[in-house]
C-alpha atoms as a PDB file:
ATOM      1  CA  MET A   1      45.515  23.784  -5.244  1.00  0.00           C
ATOM      2  CA  ASP A   2      42.895  26.493  -4.824  1.00  0.00           C
ATOM      3  CA  SER A   3      41.527  26.754  -8.588  1.00  0.00           C
ATOM      4  CA  SER A   4      40.473  30.416  -7.587  1.00  0.00           C
ATOM      5  CA  LYS A   5      44.187  31.065  -7.385  1.00  0.00           C
ATOM      6  CA  THR A   6      45.472  28.948 -10.708  1.00  0.00           C
ATOM      7  CA  PRO A   7      45.960  30.886 -13.537  1.00  0.00           C
ATOM      8  CA  ARG A   8      43.472  29.781 -16.368  1.00  0.00           C
ATOM      9  CA  VAL A   9      46.061  28.349 -18.584  1.00  0.00           C
ATOM     10  CA  ILE A  10      47.100  26.009 -15.941  1.00  0.00           C
ATOM     11  CA  GLN A  11      43.402  24.805 -15.234  1.00  0.00           C
ATOM     12  CA  LEU A  12      43.165  24.127 -19.106  1.00  0.00           C
ATOM     13  CA  ALA A  13      46.368  22.026 -18.762  1.00  0.00           C
ATOM     14  CA  GLU A  14      45.324  20.069 -16.130  1.00  0.00           C
ATOM     15  CA  GLN A  15      41.978  19.327 -17.792  1.00  0.00           C
ATOM     16  CA  ILE A  16      44.121  18.059 -20.651  1.00  0.00           C
ATOM     17  CA  MET A  17      45.869  15.788 -18.234  1.00  0.00           C
ATOM     18  CA  ALA A  18      42.890  14.301 -16.812  1.00  0.00           C
ATOM     19  CA  ASP A  19      41.661  13.423 -20.237  1.00  0.00           C
ATOM     20  CA  ILE A  20      44.861  11.609 -20.873  1.00  0.00           C
ATOM     21  CA  ALA A  21      44.508   9.563 -17.809  1.00  0.00           C
ATOM     22  CA  GLY A  22      40.829   9.013 -18.260  1.00  0.00           C
ATOM     23  CA  ARG A  23      41.485   7.397 -21.470  1.00  0.00           C
ATOM     24  CA  GLY A  24      44.319   5.592 -20.081  1.00  0.00           C
ATOM     25  CA  LEU A  25      46.939   6.854 -22.516  1.00  0.00           C
ATOM     26  CA  GLN A  26      50.588   5.715 -22.420  1.00  0.00           C
ATOM     27  CA  SER A  27      53.613   7.435 -23.547  1.00  0.00           C
ATOM     28  CA  GLY A  28      53.952   7.581 -27.312  1.00  0.00           C
ATOM     29  CA  ASP A  29      50.077   7.282 -27.902  1.00  0.00           C
ATOM     30  CA  PRO A  30      48.757  10.063 -30.049  1.00  0.00           C
ATOM     31  CA  TYR A  31      46.711  12.658 -28.635  1.00  0.00           C
ATOM     32  CA  LEU A  32      44.071  15.547 -29.864  1.00  0.00           C
ATOM     33  CA  GLY A  33      45.276  18.092 -32.182  1.00  0.00           C
ATOM     34  CA  THR A  34      44.936  21.814 -31.271  1.00  0.00           C
ATOM     35  CA  ALA A  35      41.358  22.215 -32.779  1.00  0.00           C
ATOM     36  CA  GLU A  36      40.272  18.990 -31.279  1.00  0.00           C
ATOM     37  CA  ALA A  37      41.728  20.053 -27.812  1.00  0.00           C
ATOM     38  CA  ALA A  38      40.064  23.374 -28.043  1.00  0.00           C
ATOM     39  CA  ARG A  39      36.494  21.535 -28.825  1.00  0.00           C
ATOM     40  CA  MET A  40      36.862  19.233 -25.918  1.00  0.00           C
ATOM     41  CA  LEU A  41      37.710  22.105 -23.360  1.00  0.00           C
ATOM     42  CA  GLY A  42      35.133  24.433 -24.863  1.00  0.00           C
ATOM     43  CA  VAL A  43      37.728  27.302 -25.577  1.00  0.00           C
ATOM     44  CA  SER A  44      39.441  29.159 -28.416  1.00  0.00           C
ATOM     45  CA  THR A  45      42.133  27.373 -30.194  1.00  0.00           C
ATOM     46  CA  THR A  46      44.677  30.098 -28.890  1.00  0.00           C
ATOM     47  CA  SER A  47      43.791  29.050 -25.504  1.00  0.00           C
ATOM     48  CA  ALA A  48      44.249  25.310 -26.131  1.00  0.00           C
ATOM     49  CA  ASN A  49      47.493  25.749 -28.082  1.00  0.00           C
ATOM     50  CA  ARG A  50      48.840  27.626 -24.747  1.00  0.00           C
ATOM     51  CA  ALA A  51      47.584  24.782 -22.423  1.00  0.00           C
ATOM     52  CA  MET A  52      49.401  22.467 -24.868  1.00  0.00           C
ATOM     53  CA  GLN A  53      52.526  24.208 -25.083  1.00  0.00           C
ATOM     54  CA  LEU A  54      52.534  24.263 -21.216  1.00  0.00           C
ATOM     55  CA  LEU A  55      52.336  20.339 -21.121  1.00  0.00           C
ATOM     56  CA  VAL A  56      54.830  20.290 -23.903  1.00  0.00           C
ATOM     57  CA  GLN A  57      57.132  22.164 -21.511  1.00  0.00           C
ATOM     58  CA  ARG A  58      56.299  19.727 -18.736  1.00  0.00           C
ATOM     59  CA  ASN A  59      57.148  16.565 -20.960  1.00  0.00           C
ATOM     60  CA  ILE A  60      53.750  15.547 -20.966  1.00  0.00           C
ATOM     61  CA  LEU A  61      52.938  16.037 -24.712  1.00  0.00           C
ATOM     62  CA  ASN A  62      55.283  15.880 -27.632  1.00  0.00           C
ATOM     63  CA  ARG A  63      54.224  17.643 -30.826  1.00  0.00           C
ATOM     64  CA  ARG A  64      56.064  16.319 -33.984  1.00  0.00           C
ATOM     65  CA  GLN A  65      55.918  18.238 -36.971  1.00  0.00           C
ATOM     66  CA  LYS A  66      53.508  16.964 -39.712  1.00  0.00           C
ATOM     67  CA  ARG A  67      52.763  13.876 -37.449  1.00  0.00           C
ATOM     68  CA  GLY A  68      50.743  15.728 -34.573  1.00  0.00           C
ATOM     69  CA  THR A  69      50.567  15.456 -31.070  1.00  0.00           C
ATOM     70  CA  PHE A  70      51.894  12.403 -28.954  1.00  0.00           C
ATOM     71  CA  VAL A  71      51.581  11.493 -25.115  1.00  0.00           C
ATOM     72  CA  ALA A  72      55.347  12.057 -23.771  1.00  0.00           C
ATOM     73  CA  ASP A  73      57.562  10.282 -21.237  1.00  0.00           C
ATOM     74  CA  GLY A  74      56.953  12.874 -18.446  1.00  0.00           C
ATOM     75  CA  ILE A  75      53.304  11.598 -18.003  1.00  0.00           C
ATOM     76  CA  HIS A  76      54.690   8.965 -15.542  1.00  0.00           C
ATOM     77  CA  GLY A  77      58.102  10.505 -14.840  1.00  0.00           C
ATOM     78  CA  GLU A  78      59.157  12.742 -12.136  1.00  0.00           C
ATOM     79  CA  THR A  79      62.109  15.388 -12.267  1.00  0.00           C
ATOM     80  CA  GLN A  80      63.855  16.826  -9.554  1.00  0.00           C
ATOM     81  CA  ARG A  81      62.637  20.015  -8.574  1.00  0.00           C
ATOM     82  CA  THR A  82      64.442  23.365  -7.274  1.00  0.00           C
ATOM     83  CA  ILE A  83      61.330  25.216  -7.153  1.00  0.00           C
ATOM     84  CA  ASP A  84      57.895  23.581  -6.115  1.00  0.00           C
ATOM     85  CA  ARG A  85      55.567  26.332  -6.264  1.00  0.00           C
ATOM     86  CA  VAL A  86      55.953  29.698  -7.905  1.00  0.00           C
ATOM     87  CA  HIS A  87      53.690  32.655  -6.352  1.00  0.00           C
ATOM     88  CA  LEU A  88      52.637  35.307  -8.958  1.00  0.00           C
ATOM     89  CA  VAL A  89      52.093  38.152  -6.591  1.00  0.00           C
ATOM     90  CA  VAL A  90      49.970  40.765  -8.655  1.00  0.00           C
ATOM     91  CA  ASN A  91      48.058  43.993  -8.033  1.00  0.00           C
ATOM     92  CA  ASN A  92      44.513  42.898  -8.755  1.00  0.00           C
ATOM     93  CA  THR A  93      43.566  46.308 -10.298  1.00  0.00           C
ATOM     94  CA  TYR A  94      46.323  46.282 -13.181  1.00  0.00           C
ATOM     95  CA  LEU A  95      45.763  42.608 -13.408  1.00  0.00           C
ATOM     96  CA  SER A  96      42.163  43.103 -14.454  1.00  0.00           C
ATOM     97  CA  THR A  97      42.773  46.437 -16.514  1.00  0.00           C
ATOM     98  CA  GLU A  98      46.101  45.688 -18.170  1.00  0.00           C
ATOM     99  CA  GLY A  99      46.566  41.923 -18.335  1.00  0.00           C
ATOM    100  CA  MET A 100      50.159  41.893 -16.710  1.00  0.00           C
ATOM    101  CA  MET A 101      50.393  38.202 -16.616  1.00  0.00           C
ATOM    102  CA  ALA A 102      50.291  36.788 -20.216  1.00  0.00           C
ATOM    103  CA  ASP A 103      49.877  33.083 -20.698  1.00  0.00           C
ATOM    104  CA  GLY A 104      52.981  33.173 -22.282  1.00  0.00           C
ATOM    105  CA  VAL A 105      54.986  33.895 -19.396  1.00  0.00           C
ATOM    106  CA  ILE A 106      53.636  31.242 -17.311  1.00  0.00           C
ATOM    107  CA  VAL A 107      54.519  28.984 -20.074  1.00  0.00           C
ATOM    108  CA  GLY A 108      57.993  30.448 -20.105  1.00  0.00           C
ATOM    109  CA  ILE A 109      58.325  29.689 -16.393  1.00  0.00           C
ATOM    110  CA  GLN A 110      57.329  26.201 -16.624  1.00  0.00           C
ATOM    111  CA  SER A 111      59.966  25.605 -19.242  1.00  0.00           C
ATOM    112  CA  VAL A 112      62.552  26.039 -16.556  1.00  0.00           C
ATOM    113  CA  LEU A 113      60.253  24.627 -13.753  1.00  0.00           C
ATOM    114  CA  PRO A 114      57.914  22.143 -15.618  1.00  0.00           C
ATOM    115  CA  HIS A 115      56.687  20.465 -12.382  1.00  0.00           C
ATOM    116  CA  ALA A 116      56.191  23.397 -10.145  1.00  0.00           C
ATOM    117  CA  GLU A 117      52.741  24.561  -9.335  1.00  0.00           C
ATOM    118  CA  ILE A 118      51.849  28.176 -10.210  1.00  0.00           C
ATOM    119  CA  GLU A 119      49.381  30.284  -8.130  1.00  0.00           C
ATOM    120  CA  PHE A 120      48.162  33.740  -8.368  1.00  0.00           C
ATOM    121  CA  ASN A 121      48.031  35.665  -5.052  1.00  0.00           C
ATOM    122  CA  HIS A 122      46.422  39.175  -5.795  1.00  0.00           C
ATOM    123  CA  LEU A 123      47.624  42.039  -3.760  1.00  0.00           C
ATOM    124  CA  PRO A 124      45.071  44.157  -2.008  1.00  0.00           C
ATOM    125  CA  GLY A 125      44.274  47.288  -3.192  1.00  0.00           C
ATOM    126  CA  SER A 126      45.117  49.376   0.338  1.00  0.00           C
ATOM    127  CA  ASP A 127      47.525  48.423   3.021  1.00  0.00           C
ATOM    128  CA  ASP A 128      49.041  45.129   2.198  1.00  0.00           C
ATOM    129  CA  THR A 129      51.613  44.813   5.163  1.00  0.00           C
ATOM    130  CA  ALA A 130      49.402  42.143   7.116  1.00  0.00           C
ATOM    131  CA  TRP A 131      48.817  40.441   3.769  1.00  0.00           C
ATOM    132  CA  VAL A 132      52.057  39.988   2.601  1.00  0.00           C
ATOM    133  CA  SER A 133      53.268  39.206   6.300  1.00  0.00           C
ATOM    134  CA  GLU A 134      51.071  36.284   6.412  1.00  0.00           C
ATOM    135  CA  LEU A 135      51.837  35.150   2.877  1.00  0.00           C
ATOM    136  CA  ILE A 136      55.411  35.137   3.478  1.00  0.00           C
ATOM    137  CA  ALA A 137      54.821  33.103   7.109  1.00  0.00           C
ATOM    138  CA  LYS A 138      52.896  30.554   5.364  1.00  0.00           C
ATOM    139  CA  THR A 139      55.375  30.060   3.030  1.00  0.00           C
ATOM    140  CA  ALA A 140      58.254  29.889   5.671  1.00  0.00           C
ATOM    141  CA  ARG A 141      56.114  26.881   7.438  1.00  0.00           C
ATOM    142  CA  SER A 142      55.890  24.956   3.929  1.00  0.00           C
ATOM    143  CA  GLN A 143      57.561  21.886   3.467  1.00  0.00           C
ATOM    144  CA  GLN A 144      58.228  22.837  -0.340  1.00  0.00           C
ATOM    145  CA  ALA A 145      60.703  25.170  -2.002  1.00  0.00           C
ATOM    146  CA  GLU A 146      58.723  28.324  -2.985  1.00  0.00           C
ATOM    147  CA  GLY A 147      59.414  31.346  -4.856  1.00  0.00           C
ATOM    148  CA  PHE A 148      57.790  34.575  -5.754  1.00  0.00           C
ATOM    149  CA  VAL A 149      57.270  36.588  -8.873  1.00  0.00           C
ATOM    150  CA  LEU A 150      56.227  40.385  -7.957  1.00  0.00           C
ATOM    151  CA  ALA A 151      54.305  42.168 -10.684  1.00  0.00           C
ATOM    152  CA  ARG A 152      53.234  45.829  -9.869  1.00  0.00           C
ATOM    153  CA  SER A 153      54.123  45.603  -6.394  1.00  0.00           C
ATOM    154  CA  SER A 154      54.218  48.033  -3.823  1.00  0.00           C
ATOM    155  CA  LEU A 155      57.078  49.379  -1.771  1.00  0.00           C
ATOM    156  CA  THR A 156      56.070  47.775   1.405  1.00  0.00           C
ATOM    157  CA  SER A 157      55.699  44.441  -0.365  1.00  0.00           C
ATOM    158  CA  GLN A 158      59.264  44.558  -1.826  1.00  0.00           C
ATOM    159  CA  ARG A 159      60.478  45.480   1.554  1.00  0.00           C
ATOM    160  CA  LEU A 160      58.977  42.553   3.228  1.00  0.00           C
ATOM    161  CA  PHE A 161      59.982  39.951   0.743  1.00  0.00           C
ATOM    162  CA  GLN A 162      63.656  41.409   0.608  1.00  0.00           C
ATOM    163  CA  ALA A 163      63.640  40.826   4.077  1.00  0.00           C
ATOM    164  CA  SER A 164      62.314  37.408   4.011  1.00  0.00           C
ATOM    165  CA  GLY A 165      65.167  35.962   2.151  1.00  0.00           C
ATOM    166  CA  LEU A 166      62.931  33.839  -0.004  1.00  0.00           C
ATOM    167  CA  PRO A 167      63.549  33.493  -3.710  1.00  0.00           C
ATOM    168  CA  THR A 168      62.125  36.514  -5.232  1.00  0.00           C
ATOM    169  CA  VAL A 169      62.386  38.436  -8.421  1.00  0.00           C
ATOM    170  CA  ILE A 170      60.469  41.770  -9.355  1.00  0.00           C
ATOM    171  CA  PHE A 171      58.544  41.623 -12.764  1.00  0.00           C
ATOM    172  CA  GLY A 172      58.785  45.380 -13.102  1.00  0.00           C
ATOM    173  CA  SER A 173      60.711  48.299 -11.380  1.00  0.00           C
ATOM    174  CA  ARG A 174      62.543  48.112  -7.877  1.00  0.00           C
ATOM    175  CA  PHE A 175      61.616  51.201  -5.702  1.00  0.00           C
ATOM    176  CA  PRO A 176      64.598  52.970  -4.259  1.00  0.00           C
ATOM    177  CA  SER A 177      66.213  51.204  -1.286  1.00  0.00           C
ATOM    178  CA  ILE A 178      65.251  47.751  -2.800  1.00  0.00           C
ATOM    179  CA  HIS A 179      68.869  46.436  -3.617  1.00  0.00           C
ATOM    180  CA  ALA A 180      68.612  42.864  -2.620  1.00  0.00           C
ATOM    181  CA  LEU A 181      65.925  41.677  -5.107  1.00  0.00           C
ATOM    182  CA  PRO A 182      66.645  40.921  -8.672  1.00  0.00           C
ATOM    183  CA  SER A 183      64.221  42.447 -11.290  1.00  0.00           C
ATOM    184  CA  ILE A 184      63.356  42.175 -14.933  1.00  0.00           C
ATOM    185  CA  ASP A 185      61.874  45.147 -16.575  1.00  0.00           C
ATOM    186  CA  ARG A 186      61.508  46.881 -19.852  1.00  0.00           C
ATOM    187  CA  ASP A 187      63.945  49.549 -20.638  1.00  0.00           C
ATOM    188  CA  HIS A 188      61.847  52.733 -19.847  1.00  0.00           C
ATOM    189  CA  ILE A 189      64.452  55.259 -21.001  1.00  0.00           C
ATOM    190  CA  ALA A 190      64.495  53.604 -24.551  1.00  0.00           C
ATOM    191  CA  ALA A 191      60.766  53.549 -24.263  1.00  0.00           C
ATOM    192  CA  GLY A 192      60.369  57.366 -23.795  1.00  0.00           C
ATOM    193  CA  ARG A 193      62.759  58.089 -26.463  1.00  0.00           C
ATOM    194  CA  LEU A 194      60.960  56.182 -29.138  1.00  0.00           C
ATOM    195  CA  LEU A 195      57.543  57.262 -28.382  1.00  0.00           C
ATOM    196  CA  THR A 196      58.739  60.881 -28.249  1.00  0.00           C
ATOM    197  CA  LYS A 197      60.781  60.662 -31.547  1.00  0.00           C
ATOM    198  CA  SER A 198      57.787  58.903 -33.294  1.00  0.00           C
ATOM    199  CA  LEU A 199      55.515  62.017 -32.333  1.00  0.00           C
ATOM    200  CA  VAL A 200      58.085  64.718 -33.339  1.00  0.00           C
ATOM    201  CA  GLU A 201      59.000  62.957 -36.451  1.00  0.00           C
ATOM    202  CA  HIS A 202      55.184  62.890 -37.260  1.00  0.00           C
ATOM    203  CA  GLY A 203      55.132  66.673 -37.053  1.00  0.00           C
ATOM    204  CA  ALA A 204      53.892  67.245 -33.306  1.00  0.00           C
ATOM    205  CA  LYS A 205      55.178  70.236 -31.930  1.00  0.00           C
ATOM    206  CA  LYS A 206      53.125  70.010 -28.540  1.00  0.00           C
ATOM    207  CA  LEU A 207      52.960  67.157 -26.689  1.00  0.00           C
ATOM    208  CA  GLY A 208      50.442  65.655 -24.015  1.00  0.00           C
ATOM    209  CA  VAL A 209      51.524  62.973 -21.808  1.00  0.00           C
ATOM    210  CA  LEU A 210      48.801  60.557 -20.138  1.00  0.00           C
ATOM    211  CA  MET A 211      50.006  58.912 -17.215  1.00  0.00           C
ATOM    212  CA  ARG A 212      48.518  56.609 -14.565  1.00  0.00           C
ATOM    213  CA  SER A 213      47.580  58.193 -11.345  1.00  0.00           C
ATOM    214  CA  GLN A 214      49.702  55.493  -9.456  1.00  0.00           C
ATOM    215  CA  VAL A 215      53.172  56.598  -9.956  1.00  0.00           C
ATOM    216  CA  LEU A 216      55.707  53.451 -10.126  1.00  0.00           C
ATOM    217  CA  PRO A 217      59.369  53.543 -10.140  1.00  0.00           C
ATOM    218  CA  GLY A 218      59.759  52.881 -13.890  1.00  0.00           C
ATOM    219  CA  ASP A 219      57.659  55.997 -14.423  1.00  0.00           C
ATOM    220  CA  HIS A 220      60.346  58.182 -13.227  1.00  0.00           C
ATOM    221  CA  PRO A 221      63.279  57.154 -15.894  1.00  0.00           C
ATOM    222  CA  PHE A 222      60.204  57.089 -18.630  1.00  0.00           C
ATOM    223  CA  LEU A 223      59.321  60.695 -17.963  1.00  0.00           C
ATOM    224  CA  ASP A 224      62.987  61.787 -17.762  1.00  0.00           C
ATOM    225  CA  SER A 225      63.558  60.324 -21.228  1.00  0.00           C
ATOM    226  CA  ILE A 226      60.525  62.179 -22.621  1.00  0.00           C
ATOM    227  CA  TRP A 227      61.620  65.537 -21.156  1.00  0.00           C
ATOM    228  CA  GLN A 228      65.506  64.671 -22.356  1.00  0.00           C
ATOM    229  CA  THR A 229      64.579  63.542 -25.980  1.00  0.00           C
ATOM    230  CA  SER A 230      62.150  66.508 -26.545  1.00  0.00           C
ATOM    231  CA  ALA A 231      65.024  68.968 -25.699  1.00  0.00           C
ATOM    232  CA  GLU A 232      67.250  67.251 -28.158  1.00  0.00           C
ATOM    233  CA  LEU A 233      64.598  67.436 -30.631  1.00  0.00           C
ATOM    234  CA  GLY A 234      64.201  71.185 -30.233  1.00  0.00           C
ATOM    235  CA  LEU A 235      61.201  71.748 -28.013  1.00  0.00           C
ATOM    236  CA  THR A 236      60.941  73.415 -24.850  1.00  0.00           C
ATOM    237  CA  PRO A 237      59.621  72.798 -21.403  1.00  0.00           C
ATOM    238  CA  SER A 238      56.099  74.567 -22.252  1.00  0.00           C
ATOM    239  CA  ASP A 239      55.850  72.344 -25.122  1.00  0.00           C
ATOM    240  CA  LEU A 240      54.971  69.384 -22.783  1.00  0.00           C
ATOM    241  CA  ALA A 241      52.078  68.914 -20.313  1.00  0.00           C
ATOM    242  CA  ILE A 242      51.685  65.811 -18.339  1.00  0.00           C
ATOM    243  CA  ARG A 243      48.405  64.659 -16.575  1.00  0.00           C
ATOM    244  CA  PHE A 244      48.355  61.727 -13.926  1.00  0.00           C
ATOM    245  CA  LEU A 245      44.959  60.095 -14.250  1.00  0.00           C
ATOM    246  CA  PRO A 246      42.743  57.226 -12.735  1.00  0.00           C
ATOM    247  CA  THR A 247      41.485  54.383 -15.132  1.00  0.00           C
ATOM    248  CA  ASP A 248      38.163  56.445 -15.701  1.00  0.00           C
ATOM    249  CA  ASP A 249      36.845  57.009 -18.839  1.00  0.00           C
ATOM    250  CA  GLN A 250      35.442  60.530 -18.255  1.00  0.00           C
ATOM    251  CA  ALA A 251      38.324  61.840 -16.183  1.00  0.00           C
ATOM    252  CA  ILE A 252      40.846  60.710 -18.936  1.00  0.00           C
ATOM    253  CA  GLN A 253      38.216  62.130 -21.516  1.00  0.00           C
ATOM    254  CA  HIS A 254      38.032  65.536 -19.895  1.00  0.00           C
ATOM    255  CA  ALA A 255      42.026  65.794 -19.361  1.00  0.00           C
ATOM    256  CA  THR A 256      42.714  64.957 -23.250  1.00  0.00           C
ATOM    257  CA  ARG A 257      40.408  67.880 -24.128  1.00  0.00           C
ATOM    258  CA  ASP A 258      42.177  70.199 -21.943  1.00  0.00           C
ATOM    259  CA  LEU A 259      45.534  68.854 -23.445  1.00  0.00           C
ATOM    260  CA  ILE A 260      44.327  69.370 -26.798  1.00  0.00           C
ATOM    261  CA  HIS A 261      42.385  72.669 -26.514  1.00  0.00           C
ATOM    262  CA  GLN A 262      44.334  74.593 -23.489  1.00  0.00           C
ATOM    263  CA  HIS A 263      47.559  73.227 -23.988  1.00  0.00           C
ATOM    264  CA  GLY A 264      47.581  72.906 -27.889  1.00  0.00           C
ATOM    265  CA  ALA A 265      48.965  69.499 -27.926  1.00  0.00           C
ATOM    266  CA  ASP A 266      49.096  67.841 -31.336  1.00  0.00           C
ATOM    267  CA  GLY A 267      50.591  64.411 -30.197  1.00  0.00           C
ATOM    268  CA  LEU A 268      49.709  62.263 -27.386  1.00  0.00           C
ATOM    269  CA  ILE A 269      51.898  59.719 -25.434  1.00  0.00           C
ATOM    270  CA  CYS A 270      49.747  57.321 -23.268  1.00  0.00           C
ATOM    271  CA  ARG A 271      51.439  55.120 -20.708  1.00  0.00           C
ATOM    272  CA  SER A 272      48.835  52.432 -21.149  1.00  0.00           C
ATOM    273  CA  GLN A 273      46.309  51.042 -23.394  1.00  0.00           C
ATOM    274  CA  PRO A 274      43.085  51.913 -21.152  1.00  0.00           C
ATOM    275  CA  LEU A 275      44.450  55.507 -21.311  1.00  0.00           C
ATOM    276  CA  ALA A 276      44.622  55.411 -25.274  1.00  0.00           C
ATOM    277  CA  GLU A 277      41.390  54.037 -25.497  1.00  0.00           C
ATOM    278  CA  SER A 278      39.663  56.694 -23.614  1.00  0.00           C
ATOM    279  CA  ALA A 279      41.926  59.633 -25.112  1.00  0.00           C
ATOM    280  CA  SER A 280      40.966  57.928 -28.640  1.00  0.00           C
ATOM    281  CA  LYS A 281      37.363  58.524 -27.925  1.00  0.00           C
ATOM    282  CA  THR A 282      37.882  62.135 -27.261  1.00  0.00           C
ATOM    283  CA  ILE A 283      39.764  62.501 -30.512  1.00  0.00           C
ATOM    284  CA  LYS A 284      37.352  60.594 -32.844  1.00  0.00           C
ATOM    285  CA  THR A 285      34.395  62.627 -31.491  1.00  0.00           C
ATOM    286  CA  SER A 286      35.825  66.018 -32.239  1.00  0.00           C
ATOM    287  CA  LYS A 287      34.180  68.051 -35.327  1.00  0.00           C
ATOM    288  CA  GLN A 288      37.789  69.502 -36.167  1.00  0.00           C
ATOM    289  CA  LYS A 289      39.255  67.159 -38.757  1.00  0.00           C
ATOM    290  CA  LYS A 290      42.894  68.248 -37.443  1.00  0.00           C
ATOM    291  CA  ILE A 291      41.991  67.111 -33.793  1.00  0.00           C
ATOM    292  CA  GLN A 292      40.605  63.955 -35.132  1.00  0.00           C
ATOM    293  CA  GLU A 293      44.014  63.006 -36.903  1.00  0.00           C
ATOM    294  CA  THR A 294      45.972  63.832 -33.376  1.00  0.00           C
ATOM    295  CA  PRO A 295      48.356  60.922 -33.407  1.00  0.00           C
ATOM    296  CA  ILE A 296      48.681  58.576 -30.266  1.00  0.00           C
ATOM    297  CA  VAL A 297      51.675  56.356 -29.197  1.00  0.00           C
ATOM    298  CA  VAL A 298      51.308  53.882 -26.441  1.00  0.00           C
ATOM    299  CA  SER A 299      53.680  52.600 -23.953  1.00  0.00           C
ATOM    300  CA  ASP A 300      52.067  49.500 -21.914  1.00  0.00           C
ATOM    301  CA  VAL A 301      49.470  47.394 -23.738  1.00  0.00           C
ATOM    302  CA  TYR A 302      47.645  44.346 -22.633  1.00  0.00           C
ATOM    303  CA  SER A 303      46.048  43.307 -25.938  1.00  0.00           C
ATOM    304  CA  ARG A 304      47.020  39.820 -27.046  1.00  0.00           C
ATOM    305  CA  ASN A 305      47.006  40.808 -30.439  1.00  0.00           C
ATOM    306  CA  GLN A 306      49.047  44.294 -30.793  1.00  0.00           C
ATOM    307  CA  ALA A 307      48.920  44.076 -34.656  1.00  0.00           C
ATOM    308  CA  LYS A 308      45.093  44.804 -34.347  1.00  0.00           C
ATOM    309  CA  LEU A 309      45.782  48.130 -32.327  1.00  0.00           C
ATOM    310  CA  PRO A 310      45.452  51.364 -34.398  1.00  0.00           C
ATOM    311  CA  TRP A 311      48.351  52.950 -32.588  1.00  0.00           C
ATOM    312  CA  PRO A 312      52.162  52.559 -32.595  1.00  0.00           C
ATOM    313  CA  THR A 313      53.096  50.517 -29.523  1.00  0.00           C
ATOM    314  CA  LEU A 314      55.929  49.501 -27.848  1.00  0.00           C
ATOM    315  CA  ARG A 315      56.986  45.731 -27.288  1.00  0.00           C
ATOM    316  CA  THR A 316      59.738  43.872 -26.265  1.00  0.00           C
ATOM    317  CA  THR A 317      61.864  42.095 -28.430  1.00  0.00           C
ATOM    318  CA  ASP A 318      61.976  39.072 -25.975  1.00  0.00           C
ATOM    319  CA  SER A 319      58.766  36.969 -26.099  1.00  0.00           C
ATOM    320  CA  SER A 320      56.811  36.506 -22.948  1.00  0.00           C
ATOM    321  CA  GLU A 321      57.727  32.973 -22.963  1.00  0.00           C
ATOM    322  CA  SER A 322      61.584  34.263 -22.984  1.00  0.00           C
ATOM    323  CA  ILE A 323      60.868  36.690 -20.180  1.00  0.00           C
ATOM    324  CA  GLY A 324      59.018  33.907 -18.158  1.00  0.00           C
ATOM    325  CA  ALA A 325      61.765  31.752 -18.622  1.00  0.00           C
ATOM    326  CA  LYS A 326      64.340  34.424 -17.521  1.00  0.00           C
ATOM    327  CA  LEU A 327      62.133  35.170 -14.227  1.00  0.00           C
ATOM    328  CA  ALA A 328      62.494  31.086 -13.418  1.00  0.00           C
ATOM    329  CA  GLU A 329      66.003  31.099 -14.001  1.00  0.00           C
ATOM    330  CA  ILE A 330      66.435  33.865 -11.295  1.00  0.00           C
ATOM    331  CA  LEU A 331      64.475  31.810  -8.599  1.00  0.00           C
ATOM    332  CA  VAL A 332      66.439  28.821  -9.362  1.00  0.00           C
ATOM    333  CA  GLU A 333      69.571  30.549  -8.957  1.00  0.00           C
ATOM    334  CA  GLN A 334      68.358  31.883  -5.580  1.00  0.00           C
ATOM    335  CA  ALA A 335      67.019  28.575  -4.393  1.00  0.00           C
ATOM    336  CA  GLN A 336      70.516  27.272  -5.055  1.00  0.00           C
ATOM    337  CA  GLY A 337      71.929  29.741  -2.897  1.00  0.00           C
ATOM    338  CA  ASN A 338      73.565  31.991  -5.574  1.00  0.00           C
ATOM    339  CA  ALA A 339      73.047  35.670  -6.256  1.00  0.00           C
ATOM    340  CA  PRO A 340      71.861  36.493  -9.706  1.00  0.00           C
ATOM    341  CA  GLU A 341      74.916  37.546 -11.958  1.00  0.00           C
ATOM    342  CA  ILE A 342      72.718  40.632 -13.250  1.00  0.00           C
ATOM    343  CA  ALA A 343      70.529  42.221 -10.334  1.00  0.00           C
ATOM    344  CA  VAL A 344      68.527  44.450 -12.761  1.00  0.00           C
ATOM    345  CA  ARG A 345      67.640  43.107 -16.412  1.00  0.00           C
ATOM    346  CA  ARG A 346      66.574  45.724 -18.855  1.00  0.00           C
ATOM    347  CA  LEU A 347      64.618  44.281 -21.560  1.00  0.00           C
ATOM    348  CA  ASP A 348      65.091  45.856 -24.991  1.00  0.00           C
ATOM    349  CA  VAL A 349      61.850  47.455 -26.559  1.00  0.00           C
ATOM    350  CA  GLU A 350      60.989  48.382 -30.251  1.00  0.00           C
ATOM    351  CA  LEU A 351      58.102  50.443 -31.525  1.00  0.00           C
ATOM    352  CA  ASN A 352      55.444  48.155 -33.281  1.00  0.00           C
ATOM    353  CA  HIS A 353      53.488  50.180 -36.081  1.00  0.00           C
ATOM    354  CA  PRO A 354      49.815  49.080 -37.028  1.00  0.00           C
ATOM    355  CA  PRO A 355      49.246  47.984 -40.346  1.00  0.00           C
ATOM    356  CA  ALA A 356      48.796  50.584 -43.197  1.00  0.00           C
END
């Protein structure tokens, strides 16, 4: 497997397996604890723990409460597989800026498909027709059973995978006209409602909404919900201003100043963490205390520790591991020739407030 396409958590897991094999350990033998494994791998304890969690899912390791970590039966065993390889097809731009594929999602996938290889495939930033067509053709020639998880995927890629008939699930929203591919996505209507209510309850009377420049299907119900909730709470159309912006610090800061000084926004809804970070810089450098206190709420975050973020943020009530398991279960259903019982799964969201 090409290491450049292999998620980091998988590479660390393979290093642990090599260490087990190199030391000749057998089922039942004790193995390193998390801190020891982290030192051996040269990574943080969080990264080492994720890799060890993955190996627990593969039945390579077994963790026993108060006793430690041991080599499990799967070190020499084989399990019948329904999917041999899972391709994570990800828009490279969003992967680098917003961390769309958390390690927990990968661990969740392997809890259902413990022996499946997992491979990153990065969508090109421009026309992806030829790239996706080649990936599909390569998979069709493979002797293995392969499935695809599409994250931040384009309309073109969704259409091509829909036509391919290969096991595929969208991690995000389906574009209009895509009906045959199942999807798992956050409840964007609830997201817009929660963020809007939070600002209005905080005293905001004019809202500025900062969106990404690339509009995706989930943005439509998100914005519809903001408009509807604002109206229900007594705001008028002139009390809302929306800006679609690239991930560029200067552009976002300029738009933020415009929203505050020209539109009079006294509360900001940011679609992503990068947007919030840039907007926050503008607010903090203002000489007016009232502007410095402008509340920000954030929809999509990539930080591994949301508790450290200074703004209220949305999160799913499902863990990333649970989401990964659901993605894998849908691929298994398709591999077995069954249509998923639920074509579109909406993940419940809640507002996570920073510590006082």
